[in-house]
C-alpha atoms as a PDB file:
ATOM      1  CA  MET A   1       8.907  -4.327 -17.753  1.00  0.00           C
ATOM      2  CA  LYS A   2      10.216  -3.499 -14.179  1.00  0.00           C
ATOM      3  CA  ASP A   3      11.350  -0.481 -15.100  1.00  0.00           C
ATOM      4  CA  ARG A   4       8.309   0.596 -17.257  1.00  0.00           C
ATOM      5  CA  ILE A   5       5.840  -0.257 -14.826  1.00  0.00           C
ATOM      6  CA  TYR A   6       7.915   1.231 -11.609  1.00  0.00           C
ATOM      7  CA  LYS A   7       7.863   4.358 -13.796  1.00  0.00           C
ATOM      8  CA  PHE A   8       4.191   4.196 -14.240  1.00  0.00           C
ATOM      9  CA  LEU A   9       3.536   4.254 -10.679  1.00  0.00           C
ATOM     10  CA  ASP A  10       5.754   7.373 -10.253  1.00  0.00           C
ATOM     11  CA  GLU A  11       3.077   9.432 -12.366  1.00  0.00           C
ATOM     12  CA  TYR A  12       0.111   8.052 -11.262  1.00  0.00           C
ATOM     13  CA  VAL A  13       0.700   7.197  -7.519  1.00  0.00           C
ATOM     14  CA  GLY A  14       2.910  10.246  -7.601  1.00  0.00           C
ATOM     15  CA  GLY A  15       5.052  11.191  -4.164  1.00  0.00           C
ATOM     16  CA  GLY A  16       3.777  11.187  -0.307  1.00  0.00           C
ATOM     17  CA  VAL A  17       2.175   8.988   1.469  1.00  0.00           C
ATOM     18  CA  HIS A  18      -0.779   9.050   3.627  1.00  0.00           C
ATOM     19  CA  CYS A  19      -1.939   6.937   6.442  1.00  0.00           C
ATOM     20  CA  THR A  20      -5.052   7.087   7.441  1.00  0.00           C
ATOM     21  CA  PRO A  21      -7.671   4.605   9.331  1.00  0.00           C
ATOM     22  CA  ARG A  22      -9.985   2.348   7.999  1.00  0.00           C
ATOM     23  CA  PRO A  23     -13.313   2.768   9.044  1.00  0.00           C
ATOM     24  CA  THR A  24     -14.453  -0.850  11.354  1.00  0.00           C
ATOM     25  CA  GLY A  25     -18.041  -0.362  10.901  1.00  0.00           C
ATOM     26  CA  LEU A  26     -20.331  -0.596  14.228  1.00  0.00           C
ATOM     27  CA  PHE A  27     -18.456  -3.743  16.210  1.00  0.00           C
ATOM     28  CA  ARG A  28     -14.793  -2.922  17.814  1.00  0.00           C
ATOM     29  CA  THR A  29     -12.410  -5.648  16.338  1.00  0.00           C
ATOM     30  CA  TRP A  30      -9.287  -6.675  17.862  1.00  0.00           C
ATOM     31  CA  SER A  31      -7.228  -5.266  15.088  1.00  0.00           C
ATOM     32  CA  GLU A  32      -6.503  -1.866  13.292  1.00  0.00           C
ATOM     33  CA  TYR A  33      -7.072  -1.357   9.821  1.00  0.00           C
ATOM     34  CA  TYR A  34      -5.052   1.614   7.413  1.00  0.00           C
ATOM     35  CA  ASP A  35      -5.102   3.011   4.618  1.00  0.00           C
ATOM     36  CA  LEU A  36      -1.946   3.834   2.777  1.00  0.00           C
ATOM     37  CA  ARG A  37      -2.407   6.735  -0.145  1.00  0.00           C
ATOM     38  CA  SER A  38      -0.420   9.169  -2.217  1.00  0.00           C
ATOM     39  CA  GLU A  39      -0.884  12.951  -1.889  1.00  0.00           C
ATOM     40  CA  ASN A  40      -2.923  12.840  -5.297  1.00  0.00           C
ATOM     41  CA  GLY A  41      -5.630  10.279  -2.943  1.00  0.00           C
ATOM     42  CA  THR A  42      -4.329   6.758  -4.876  1.00  0.00           C
ATOM     43  CA  LEU A  43      -4.920   3.978  -2.976  1.00  0.00           C
ATOM     44  CA  ILE A  44      -1.234   2.199  -2.860  1.00  0.00           C
ATOM     45  CA  LEU A  45      -2.436  -0.634   0.040  1.00  0.00           C
ATOM     46  CA  TRP A  46      -4.097  -0.743   2.869  1.00  0.00           C
ATOM     47  CA  PHE A  47      -2.873  -3.390   6.144  1.00  0.00           C
ATOM     48  CA  MET A  48      -4.489  -4.345   9.554  1.00  0.00           C
ATOM     49  CA  VAL A  49      -2.445  -4.358  12.811  1.00  0.00           C
ATOM     50  CA  ARG A  50      -2.961  -6.720  15.575  1.00  0.00           C
ATOM     51  CA  LEU A  51      -0.947  -6.608  18.212  1.00  0.00           C
ATOM     52  CA  ASP A  52       2.198  -6.349  16.765  1.00  0.00           C
ATOM     53  CA  SER A  53       1.789  -8.645  13.307  1.00  0.00           C
ATOM     54  CA  VAL A  54       0.897  -6.468   9.974  1.00  0.00           C
ATOM     55  CA  LYS A  55      -0.793  -8.242   7.477  1.00  0.00           C
ATOM     56  CA  VAL A  56      -0.978  -6.153   3.991  1.00  0.00           C
ATOM     57  CA  PHE A  57      -4.097  -5.995   1.598  1.00  0.00           C
ATOM     58  CA  LYS A  58      -3.379  -5.167  -2.484  1.00  0.00           C
ATOM     59  CA  SER A  59      -5.102  -2.183  -3.733  1.00  0.00           C
ATOM     60  CA  ASP A  60      -7.254  -4.212  -6.370  1.00  0.00           C
ATOM     61  CA  GLU A  61      -7.775  -0.316  -8.147  1.00  0.00           C
ATOM     62  CA  LEU A  62      -4.549   0.235  -8.702  1.00  0.00           C
ATOM     63  CA  CYS A  63      -3.608  -3.735  -9.147  1.00  0.00           C
ATOM     64  CA  GLY A  64      -6.377  -3.439 -11.897  1.00  0.00           C
ATOM     65  CA  LYS A  65      -5.292  -0.350 -13.613  1.00  0.00           C
ATOM     66  CA  ILE A  66      -1.878  -2.275 -13.826  1.00  0.00           C
ATOM     67  CA  GLU A  67      -2.932  -5.242 -14.834  1.00  0.00           C
ATOM     68  CA  GLY A  68      -4.880  -3.712 -18.199  1.00  0.00           C
ATOM     69  CA  TYR A  69      -2.140  -1.403 -19.045  1.00  0.00           C
ATOM     70  CA  PHE A  70       0.449  -4.278 -18.979  1.00  0.00           C
ATOM     71  CA  SER A  71      -1.455  -7.334 -19.414  1.00  0.00           C
ATOM     72  CA  ILE A  72       0.325  -9.035 -16.735  1.00  0.00           C
ATOM     73  CA  ASP A  73      -2.234 -11.330 -14.085  1.00  0.00           C
ATOM     74  CA  PRO A  74      -3.317  -9.752 -10.625  1.00  0.00           C
ATOM     75  CA  ASN A  75      -0.194 -11.685  -8.842  1.00  0.00           C
ATOM     76  CA  GLU A  76       2.088 -10.698 -10.695  1.00  0.00           C
ATOM     77  CA  SER A  77       0.658  -6.658 -10.832  1.00  0.00           C
ATOM     78  CA  TRP A  78       0.664  -6.865  -6.829  1.00  0.00           C
ATOM     79  CA  LYS A  79       4.391  -7.994  -6.613  1.00  0.00           C
ATOM     80  CA  TYR A  80       5.275  -4.739  -8.862  1.00  0.00           C
ATOM     81  CA  VAL A  81       3.244  -2.406  -6.215  1.00  0.00           C
ATOM     82  CA  ARG A  82       4.696  -3.919  -3.136  1.00  0.00           C
ATOM     83  CA  ASP A  83       8.355  -4.244  -4.517  1.00  0.00           C
ATOM     84  CA  TRP A  84       7.819  -0.743  -6.130  1.00  0.00           C
ATOM     85  CA  PHE A  85       6.543   0.666  -2.530  1.00  0.00           C
ATOM     86  CA  GLY A  86       8.970  -0.916  -0.462  1.00  0.00           C
ATOM     87  CA  ASP A  87      12.365   0.444  -2.877  1.00  0.00           C
ATOM     88  CA  ARG A  88      10.602   3.667  -2.525  1.00  0.00           C
ATOM     89  CA  TYR A  89      10.160   3.777   1.329  1.00  0.00           C
ATOM     90  CA  ASN A  90      12.924   1.604   2.227  1.00  0.00           C
ATOM     91  CA  MET A  91      10.953  -1.105   3.741  1.00  0.00           C
ATOM     92  CA  LYS A  92      12.680  -4.038   4.464  1.00  0.00           C
ATOM     93  CA  LYS A  93      10.081  -6.165   6.498  1.00  0.00           C
ATOM     94  CA  LEU A  94       6.105  -5.656   7.656  1.00  0.00           C
ATOM     95  CA  SER A  95       6.824  -3.637  11.051  1.00  0.00           C
ATOM     96  CA  ASP A  96       8.411  -0.662   8.581  1.00  0.00           C
ATOM     97  CA  LEU A  97       4.730   0.135   7.721  1.00  0.00           C
ATOM     98  CA  PHE A  98       3.917   1.287  12.121  1.00  0.00           C
ATOM     99  CA  LYS A  99       6.407   4.390  10.554  1.00  0.00           C
ATOM    100  CA  PHE A 100       3.906   5.647   8.603  1.00  0.00           C
ATOM    101  CA  ILE A 101       0.744   5.691  11.405  1.00  0.00           C
ATOM    102  CA  PRO A 102       0.914   8.947  13.097  1.00  0.00           C
ATOM    103  CA  VAL A 103       0.564   7.302  16.843  1.00  0.00           C
ATOM    104  CA  TYR A 104       4.034   5.537  16.448  1.00  0.00           C
ATOM    105  CA  ASP A 105       5.637   8.776  15.336  1.00  0.00           C
ATOM    106  CA  SER A 106       8.639   9.824  17.954  1.00  0.00           C
END
């Protein structure tokens, strides 16, 4: 199952990742929000940075597609997306997401 879902993600999401700030609305917060999208515009995940901590959120649309195509539950679909992304971009810990934020590039 893992190989089939990873192949689906490779084809559906495609290559390359772009990190863009997520609008926070009218009020300024102490957190920053970012979208991680593929080159074809598919939202892979989004995350919040507060000081040096990171919280990751699933893309409901992408996880929903996996749930529908492979008849799995929402938690399982998110696990596959998270693991696929981590394997593809050599992510070992949440703070590795900082490397996608343009400001943190050296």
